[in-house]
Amino acid sequence: MSNPEYTIQAASPALSSDIIRFFEEFYIITDNPAEQENYVDQYTPDAVFIRGGAEPTRGATEIRAWRQHAFDYMKSCKHIPHKIFSLSPDSNEVMLYGRVTIGHLNSQISEGDYAVRAILEKGEDPKLRLAFYEVFMDVYELSKAGAL
């Protein structure tokens, strides 16, 4: 039984090395609380950033404000991305998944899986930036650590 509404496209095996490199560097920056402005610079000026069902953060000003307080609730954060997928080698829209370890201020440590949908763009310079970044995360472990 076939139904075109349920057709699944296989992920492209060939993904731009620029995109892979971008995300490798992005998570290094993300996990370093001192990288405030460099973190904001990973986004386009009008980017949309959504975290686990929270209200969208829009634009550099809101992303900066969120980032300035992100480490108010945790001691450390370590993202380990596992795989990244796109529909074609030249696509600027990707999905990835990985695991994150968070050290909380209450000395608890939690780990959880996360997935991301992202759209990247190049501006006037050749640097890739996130125009859209949405995080889906398993919050069960965070709630067990008393972080929610």
N, C-alpha and C. Protein backbone atom coordinates (compact mmCIF):
# COMPACT_ATOMS: atom_id res chain seq x y z
N MET A 1 0.84 -1.17 0.00
CA MET A 1 0.00 0.00 0.00
C MET A 1 0.90 1.24 0.00
N SER A 2 0.71 2.09 -0.98
CA SER A 2 1.54 3.28 -1.13
C SER A 2 0.67 4.53 -1.04
N ASN A 3 1.19 5.54 -0.39
CA ASN A 3 0.49 6.81 -0.27
C ASN A 3 1.54 7.92 -0.37
N PRO A 4 1.44 8.80 -1.39
CA PRO A 4 2.46 9.83 -1.57
C PRO A 4 2.60 10.78 -0.38
N GLU A 5 1.58 10.89 0.45
CA GLU A 5 1.69 11.75 1.63
C GLU A 5 2.70 11.22 2.64
N TYR A 6 3.00 9.93 2.57
CA TYR A 6 3.91 9.32 3.52
C TYR A 6 5.27 8.99 2.92
N THR A 7 5.57 9.55 1.77
CA THR A 7 6.86 9.31 1.14
C THR A 7 7.96 9.97 1.97
N ILE A 8 9.00 9.24 2.28
CA ILE A 8 10.12 9.76 3.06
C ILE A 8 11.31 9.92 2.14
N GLN A 9 11.92 11.11 2.17
CA GLN A 9 13.12 11.34 1.38
C GLN A 9 14.34 10.95 2.21
N ALA A 10 15.23 10.24 1.59
CA ALA A 10 16.48 9.87 2.27
C ALA A 10 17.35 11.11 2.42
N ALA A 11 18.06 11.19 3.53
CA ALA A 11 18.98 12.30 3.75
C ALA A 11 20.14 12.20 2.77
N SER A 12 20.62 13.33 2.35
CA SER A 12 21.74 13.36 1.41
C SER A 12 23.02 12.90 2.09
N PRO A 13 23.75 11.98 1.46
CA PRO A 13 25.02 11.55 2.06
C PRO A 13 26.12 12.60 1.93
N ALA A 14 25.96 13.50 0.97
CA ALA A 14 26.99 14.52 0.76
C ALA A 14 26.49 15.85 1.34
N LEU A 15 27.12 16.28 2.41
CA LEU A 15 26.75 17.53 3.05
C LEU A 15 27.93 18.48 2.97
N SER A 16 27.66 19.73 2.74
CA SER A 16 28.71 20.72 2.63
C SER A 16 29.64 20.68 3.85
N SER A 17 30.93 20.63 3.60
CA SER A 17 31.90 20.65 4.70
C SER A 17 31.84 21.97 5.45
N ASP A 18 31.40 23.05 4.78
CA ASP A 18 31.24 24.34 5.45
C ASP A 18 30.17 24.25 6.53
N ILE A 19 29.09 23.54 6.26
CA ILE A 19 28.01 23.40 7.24
C ILE A 19 28.47 22.55 8.42
N ILE A 20 29.16 21.46 8.13
CA ILE A 20 29.69 20.61 9.21
C ILE A 20 30.64 21.41 10.09
N ARG A 21 31.54 22.13 9.48
CA ARG A 21 32.51 22.95 10.22
C ARG A 21 31.78 24.03 11.04
N PHE A 22 30.75 24.64 10.44
CA PHE A 22 29.99 25.66 11.16
C PHE A 22 29.46 25.09 12.47
N PHE A 23 28.81 23.93 12.42
CA PHE A 23 28.21 23.38 13.64
C PHE A 23 29.25 22.89 14.63
N GLU A 24 30.37 22.37 14.15
CA GLU A 24 31.44 21.99 15.08
C GLU A 24 31.90 23.22 15.87
N GLU A 25 32.12 24.33 15.16
CA GLU A 25 32.55 25.56 15.81
C GLU A 25 31.43 26.18 16.65
N PHE A 26 30.20 26.09 16.15
CA PHE A 26 29.06 26.67 16.86
C PHE A 26 28.91 26.08 18.26
N TYR A 27 29.06 24.76 18.39
CA TYR A 27 28.88 24.15 19.70
C TYR A 27 30.06 24.43 20.63
N ILE A 28 31.24 24.62 20.09
CA ILE A 28 32.37 25.06 20.93
C ILE A 28 32.06 26.43 21.52
N ILE A 29 31.57 27.34 20.68
CA ILE A 29 31.20 28.69 21.12
C ILE A 29 30.03 28.62 22.10
N THR A 30 29.02 27.83 21.77
CA THR A 30 27.82 27.71 22.61
C THR A 30 28.17 27.27 24.03
N ASP A 31 29.10 26.35 24.17
CA ASP A 31 29.43 25.78 25.47
C ASP A 31 30.37 26.64 26.30
N ASN A 32 30.84 27.75 25.75
CA ASN A 32 31.76 28.64 26.46
C ASN A 32 31.02 29.90 26.89
N PRO A 33 30.78 30.07 28.20
CA PRO A 33 30.01 31.23 28.65
C PRO A 33 30.67 32.57 28.35
N ALA A 34 31.97 32.59 28.10
CA ALA A 34 32.67 33.84 27.80
C ALA A 34 32.43 34.32 26.37
N GLU A 35 31.90 33.47 25.53
CA GLU A 35 31.72 33.78 24.10
C GLU A 35 30.39 34.48 23.83
N GLN A 36 30.11 35.57 24.52
CA GLN A 36 28.83 36.26 24.37
C GLN A 36 28.63 36.82 22.96
N GLU A 37 29.48 37.73 22.54
CA GLU A 37 29.28 38.38 21.23
C GLU A 37 29.55 37.43 20.08
N ASN A 38 30.52 36.54 20.24
CA ASN A 38 30.79 35.57 19.19
C ASN A 38 29.58 34.66 18.99
N TYR A 39 28.89 34.33 20.08
CA TYR A 39 27.67 33.52 19.98
C TYR A 39 26.61 34.26 19.17
N VAL A 40 26.37 35.52 19.50
CA VAL A 40 25.36 36.31 18.78
C VAL A 40 25.74 36.43 17.31
N ASP A 41 27.02 36.52 17.01
CA ASP A 41 27.49 36.66 15.63
C ASP A 41 27.26 35.40 14.80
N GLN A 42 26.90 34.30 15.42
CA GLN A 42 26.60 33.07 14.68
C GLN A 42 25.22 33.12 14.03
N TYR A 43 24.45 34.16 14.34
CA TYR A 43 23.09 34.32 13.83
C TYR A 43 23.01 35.52 12.89
N THR A 44 22.05 35.47 11.96
CA THR A 44 21.77 36.65 11.14
C THR A 44 21.14 37.71 12.04
N PRO A 45 21.19 38.98 11.65
CA PRO A 45 20.62 40.04 12.50
C PRO A 45 19.13 39.85 12.82
N ASP A 46 18.40 39.17 11.94
CA ASP A 46 16.96 38.98 12.14
C ASP A 46 16.60 37.51 12.40
N ALA A 47 17.53 36.75 12.91
CA ALA A 47 17.34 35.31 13.12
C ALA A 47 16.21 35.03 14.11
N VAL A 48 15.66 33.82 13.99
CA VAL A 48 14.66 33.31 14.93
C VAL A 48 15.29 32.11 15.64
N PHE A 49 15.23 32.13 16.98
CA PHE A 49 15.81 31.08 17.81
C PHE A 49 14.70 30.59 18.75
N ILE A 50 14.41 29.27 18.67
CA ILE A 50 13.35 28.68 19.49
C ILE A 50 13.95 27.55 20.32
N ARG A 51 13.68 27.58 21.62
CA ARG A 51 14.20 26.57 22.53
C ARG A 51 13.07 25.77 23.14
N GLY A 52 12.97 24.52 22.77
CA GLY A 52 12.07 23.57 23.41
C GLY A 52 10.67 24.06 23.71
N GLY A 53 10.03 24.66 22.76
CA GLY A 53 8.66 25.09 22.94
C GLY A 53 8.51 26.46 23.58
N ALA A 54 9.61 27.11 23.93
CA ALA A 54 9.54 28.46 24.50
C ALA A 54 9.17 29.47 23.42
N GLU A 55 8.80 30.64 23.86
CA GLU A 55 8.48 31.71 22.91
C GLU A 55 9.72 32.01 22.06
N PRO A 56 9.57 32.22 20.76
CA PRO A 56 10.73 32.49 19.91
C PRO A 56 11.50 33.74 20.35
N THR A 57 12.81 33.65 20.24
CA THR A 57 13.70 34.78 20.45
C THR A 57 14.02 35.30 19.06
N ARG A 58 13.78 36.59 18.82
CA ARG A 58 13.91 37.13 17.46
C ARG A 58 14.94 38.25 17.41
N GLY A 59 15.89 38.10 16.50
CA GLY A 59 16.86 39.15 16.25
C GLY A 59 18.01 39.17 17.23
N ALA A 60 19.07 39.88 16.82
CA ALA A 60 20.31 39.91 17.59
C ALA A 60 20.11 40.44 19.01
N THR A 61 19.28 41.46 19.18
CA THR A 61 19.09 42.04 20.51
C THR A 61 18.49 41.03 21.48
N GLU A 62 17.46 40.31 21.06
CA GLU A 62 16.83 39.32 21.93
C GLU A 62 17.74 38.11 22.15
N ILE A 63 18.45 37.69 21.11
CA ILE A 63 19.38 36.56 21.26
C ILE A 63 20.49 36.94 22.24
N ARG A 64 21.01 38.14 22.13
CA ARG A 64 22.05 38.62 23.05
C ARG A 64 21.52 38.62 24.49
N ALA A 65 20.32 39.15 24.69
CA ALA A 65 19.73 39.20 26.04
C ALA A 65 19.56 37.79 26.60
N TRP A 66 19.09 36.84 25.77
CA TRP A 66 18.95 35.46 26.24
C TRP A 66 20.31 34.88 26.60
N ARG A 67 21.28 35.08 25.74
CA ARG A 67 22.62 34.51 25.95
C ARG A 67 23.27 35.06 27.22
N GLN A 68 23.07 36.34 27.50
CA GLN A 68 23.67 36.95 28.69
C GLN A 68 23.18 36.29 29.97
N HIS A 69 22.01 35.67 29.93
CA HIS A 69 21.46 35.03 31.13
C HIS A 69 21.44 33.51 31.04
N ALA A 70 21.87 32.94 29.93
CA ALA A 70 21.79 31.49 29.76
C ALA A 70 22.56 30.73 30.83
N PHE A 71 23.71 31.26 31.24
CA PHE A 71 24.53 30.56 32.23
C PHE A 71 24.20 30.98 33.66
N ASP A 72 23.15 31.77 33.84
CA ASP A 72 22.68 32.10 35.19
C ASP A 72 22.11 30.87 35.88
N TYR A 73 21.72 29.87 35.10
CA TYR A 73 21.03 28.70 35.64
C TYR A 73 21.85 27.42 35.53
N MET A 74 23.08 27.55 35.07
CA MET A 74 23.91 26.35 34.95
C MET A 74 25.38 26.72 35.12
N LYS A 75 26.16 25.75 35.59
CA LYS A 75 27.60 25.93 35.74
C LYS A 75 28.32 25.62 34.44
N SER A 76 27.82 24.60 33.73
CA SER A 76 28.50 24.16 32.52
C SER A 76 27.51 23.54 31.55
N CYS A 77 27.94 23.48 30.30
CA CYS A 77 27.11 22.90 29.25
C CYS A 77 28.04 22.29 28.20
N LYS A 78 27.76 21.07 27.79
CA LYS A 78 28.60 20.40 26.79
C LYS A 78 27.70 19.69 25.78
N HIS A 79 27.71 20.19 24.55
CA HIS A 79 26.95 19.57 23.46
C HIS A 79 27.83 18.58 22.71
N ILE A 80 27.31 17.42 22.43
CA ILE A 80 27.99 16.44 21.60
C ILE A 80 27.07 16.12 20.42
N PRO A 81 27.25 16.82 19.29
CA PRO A 81 26.41 16.50 18.13
C PRO A 81 26.83 15.16 17.53
N HIS A 82 25.85 14.35 17.14
CA HIS A 82 26.14 13.03 16.58
C HIS A 82 26.04 12.98 15.06
N LYS A 83 24.95 13.46 14.52
CA LYS A 83 24.74 13.38 13.07
C LYS A 83 23.98 14.59 12.60
N ILE A 84 24.25 14.93 11.33
CA ILE A 84 23.57 16.05 10.70
C ILE A 84 23.04 15.58 9.35
N PHE A 85 21.88 16.06 8.99
CA PHE A 85 21.21 15.61 7.77
C PHE A 85 20.72 16.82 6.97
N SER A 86 20.72 16.67 5.66
CA SER A 86 20.06 17.65 4.79
C SER A 86 19.38 16.87 3.66
N LEU A 87 18.48 17.54 2.95
CA LEU A 87 17.78 16.86 1.87
C LEU A 87 18.61 16.76 0.60
N SER A 88 19.58 17.65 0.47
CA SER A 88 20.44 17.61 -0.72
C SER A 88 21.78 18.24 -0.36
N PRO A 89 22.81 17.96 -1.14
CA PRO A 89 24.13 18.51 -0.83
C PRO A 89 24.18 20.03 -0.80
N ASP A 90 23.32 20.69 -1.56
CA ASP A 90 23.37 22.15 -1.62
C ASP A 90 22.29 22.82 -0.77
N SER A 91 21.63 22.05 0.08
CA SER A 91 20.57 22.59 0.93
C SER A 91 21.16 23.41 2.07
N ASN A 92 20.49 24.50 2.42
CA ASN A 92 20.91 25.30 3.56
C ASN A 92 20.05 25.00 4.80
N GLU A 93 19.15 24.02 4.68
CA GLU A 93 18.31 23.60 5.80
C GLU A 93 18.76 22.22 6.26
N VAL A 94 19.03 22.10 7.55
CA VAL A 94 19.55 20.84 8.09
C VAL A 94 18.81 20.47 9.37
N MET A 95 18.95 19.21 9.71
CA MET A 95 18.52 18.73 11.03
C MET A 95 19.70 17.97 11.60
N LEU A 96 19.85 18.05 12.90
CA LEU A 96 20.92 17.30 13.55
C LEU A 96 20.42 16.82 14.90
N TYR A 97 21.13 15.86 15.45
CA TYR A 97 20.80 15.41 16.79
C TYR A 97 22.08 15.13 17.54
N GLY A 98 21.95 15.15 18.86
CA GLY A 98 23.11 14.91 19.71
C GLY A 98 22.69 14.74 21.15
N ARG A 99 23.66 14.89 22.02
CA ARG A 99 23.43 14.73 23.46
C ARG A 99 24.07 15.92 24.16
N VAL A 100 23.42 16.41 25.20
CA VAL A 100 23.96 17.54 25.94
C VAL A 100 24.07 17.16 27.41
N THR A 101 25.17 17.59 28.04
CA THR A 101 25.38 17.41 29.47
C THR A 101 25.38 18.79 30.10
N ILE A 102 24.56 18.96 31.14
CA ILE A 102 24.45 20.25 31.80
C ILE A 102 24.79 20.09 33.28
N GLY A 103 25.73 20.93 33.74
CA GLY A 103 26.04 21.01 35.17
C GLY A 103 25.22 22.15 35.76
N HIS A 104 24.35 21.83 36.69
CA HIS A 104 23.42 22.81 37.26
C HIS A 104 24.02 23.49 38.49
N LEU A 105 23.48 24.64 38.84
CA LEU A 105 23.96 25.39 40.00
C LEU A 105 23.73 24.63 41.30
N ASN A 106 22.77 23.71 41.32
CA ASN A 106 22.51 22.91 42.52
C ASN A 106 23.43 21.68 42.59
N SER A 107 24.48 21.68 41.77
CA SER A 107 25.51 20.62 41.70
C SER A 107 25.01 19.33 41.07
N GLN A 108 23.79 19.29 40.60
CA GLN A 108 23.28 18.13 39.86
C GLN A 108 23.80 18.19 38.43
N ILE A 109 23.93 17.03 37.82
CA ILE A 109 24.32 16.94 36.41
C ILE A 109 23.21 16.18 35.68
N SER A 110 22.82 16.70 34.54
CA SER A 110 21.82 16.00 33.75
C SER A 110 22.30 15.87 32.31
N GLU A 111 21.84 14.82 31.68
CA GLU A 111 22.14 14.58 30.27
C GLU A 111 20.83 14.34 29.55
N GLY A 112 20.78 14.78 28.32
CA GLY A 112 19.58 14.55 27.53
C GLY A 112 19.86 14.65 26.06
N ASP A 113 18.99 14.05 25.29
CA ASP A 113 19.10 14.12 23.84
C ASP A 113 18.49 15.42 23.34
N TYR A 114 19.02 15.92 22.24
CA TYR A 114 18.44 17.10 21.61
C TYR A 114 18.46 16.91 20.10
N ALA A 115 17.57 17.62 19.44
CA ALA A 115 17.54 17.67 17.98
C ALA A 115 17.38 19.13 17.59
N VAL A 116 17.82 19.45 16.39
CA VAL A 116 17.80 20.83 15.92
C VAL A 116 17.32 20.86 14.48
N ARG A 117 16.51 21.85 14.18
CA ARG A 117 16.20 22.21 12.80
C ARG A 117 16.82 23.58 12.59
N ALA A 118 17.63 23.72 11.55
CA ALA A 118 18.34 24.98 11.33
C ALA A 118 18.33 25.35 9.85
N ILE A 119 18.27 26.66 9.62
CA ILE A 119 18.42 27.21 8.27
C ILE A 119 19.58 28.19 8.33
N LEU A 120 20.55 27.97 7.45
CA LEU A 120 21.74 28.82 7.42
C LEU A 120 21.71 29.73 6.20
N GLU A 121 22.32 30.90 6.35
CA GLU A 121 22.43 31.86 5.25
C GLU A 121 23.81 32.47 5.26
N LYS A 122 24.22 32.93 4.08
CA LYS A 122 25.43 33.74 3.97
C LYS A 122 25.00 35.18 3.76
N GLY A 123 25.64 36.08 4.46
CA GLY A 123 25.34 37.50 4.30
C GLY A 123 26.26 38.12 3.26
N GLU A 124 26.59 39.39 3.48
CA GLU A 124 27.50 40.07 2.57
C GLU A 124 28.89 39.47 2.63
N ASP A 125 29.27 38.96 3.79
CA ASP A 125 30.53 38.24 3.89
C ASP A 125 30.24 36.75 3.62
N PRO A 126 31.25 35.95 3.41
CA PRO A 126 31.00 34.54 3.07
C PRO A 126 30.67 33.65 4.27
N LYS A 127 30.60 34.22 5.47
CA LYS A 127 30.37 33.43 6.68
C LYS A 127 28.94 32.91 6.76
N LEU A 128 28.81 31.63 7.07
CA LEU A 128 27.49 31.05 7.33
C LEU A 128 26.98 31.55 8.68
N ARG A 129 25.68 31.82 8.72
CA ARG A 129 25.03 32.22 9.97
C ARG A 129 23.66 31.56 10.05
N LEU A 130 23.18 31.41 11.26
CA LEU A 130 21.86 30.82 11.47
C LEU A 130 20.77 31.87 11.26
N ALA A 131 19.87 31.60 10.33
CA ALA A 131 18.69 32.45 10.15
C ALA A 131 17.53 31.90 10.98
N PHE A 132 17.57 30.60 11.23
CA PHE A 132 16.53 29.93 12.01
C PHE A 132 17.19 28.78 12.76
N TYR A 133 16.91 28.69 14.06
CA TYR A 133 17.51 27.64 14.89
C TYR A 133 16.46 27.22 15.93
N GLU A 134 15.97 25.99 15.80
CA GLU A 134 14.96 25.49 16.72
C GLU A 134 15.48 24.22 17.40
N VAL A 135 15.46 24.23 18.72
CA VAL A 135 15.96 23.11 19.51
C VAL A 135 14.79 22.32 20.09
N PHE A 136 14.85 21.02 19.92
CA PHE A 136 13.89 20.09 20.53
C PHE A 136 14.69 19.28 21.54
N MET A 137 14.22 19.23 22.79
CA MET A 137 15.04 18.60 23.82
C MET A 137 14.20 17.76 24.76
N ASP A 138 14.79 16.66 25.19
CA ASP A 138 14.19 15.80 26.20
C ASP A 138 14.44 16.46 27.56
N VAL A 139 13.40 16.98 28.18
CA VAL A 139 13.56 17.72 29.43
C VAL A 139 13.37 16.84 30.68
N TYR A 140 13.16 15.56 30.50
CA TYR A 140 12.95 14.67 31.64
C TYR A 140 14.13 14.73 32.61
N GLU A 141 15.35 14.60 32.09
CA GLU A 141 16.53 14.62 32.96
C GLU A 141 16.71 15.98 33.63
N LEU A 142 16.37 17.05 32.92
CA LEU A 142 16.46 18.38 33.53
C LEU A 142 15.51 18.49 34.71
N SER A 143 14.32 17.96 34.55
CA SER A 143 13.35 18.04 35.65
C SER A 143 13.79 17.19 36.84
N LYS A 144 14.43 16.04 36.59
CA LYS A 144 14.94 15.20 37.68
C LYS A 144 16.04 15.92 38.46
N ALA A 145 16.81 16.77 37.76
CA ALA A 145 17.91 17.49 38.41
C ALA A 145 17.40 18.73 39.15
N GLY A 146 16.11 18.98 39.08
CA GLY A 146 15.55 20.14 39.76
C GLY A 146 15.82 21.43 39.02
N ALA A 147 16.10 21.33 37.73
CA ALA A 147 16.46 22.51 36.94
C ALA A 147 15.25 23.16 36.29
N LEU A 148 14.09 22.53 36.36
CA LEU A 148 12.89 23.11 35.74
C LEU A 148 11.87 23.48 36.79
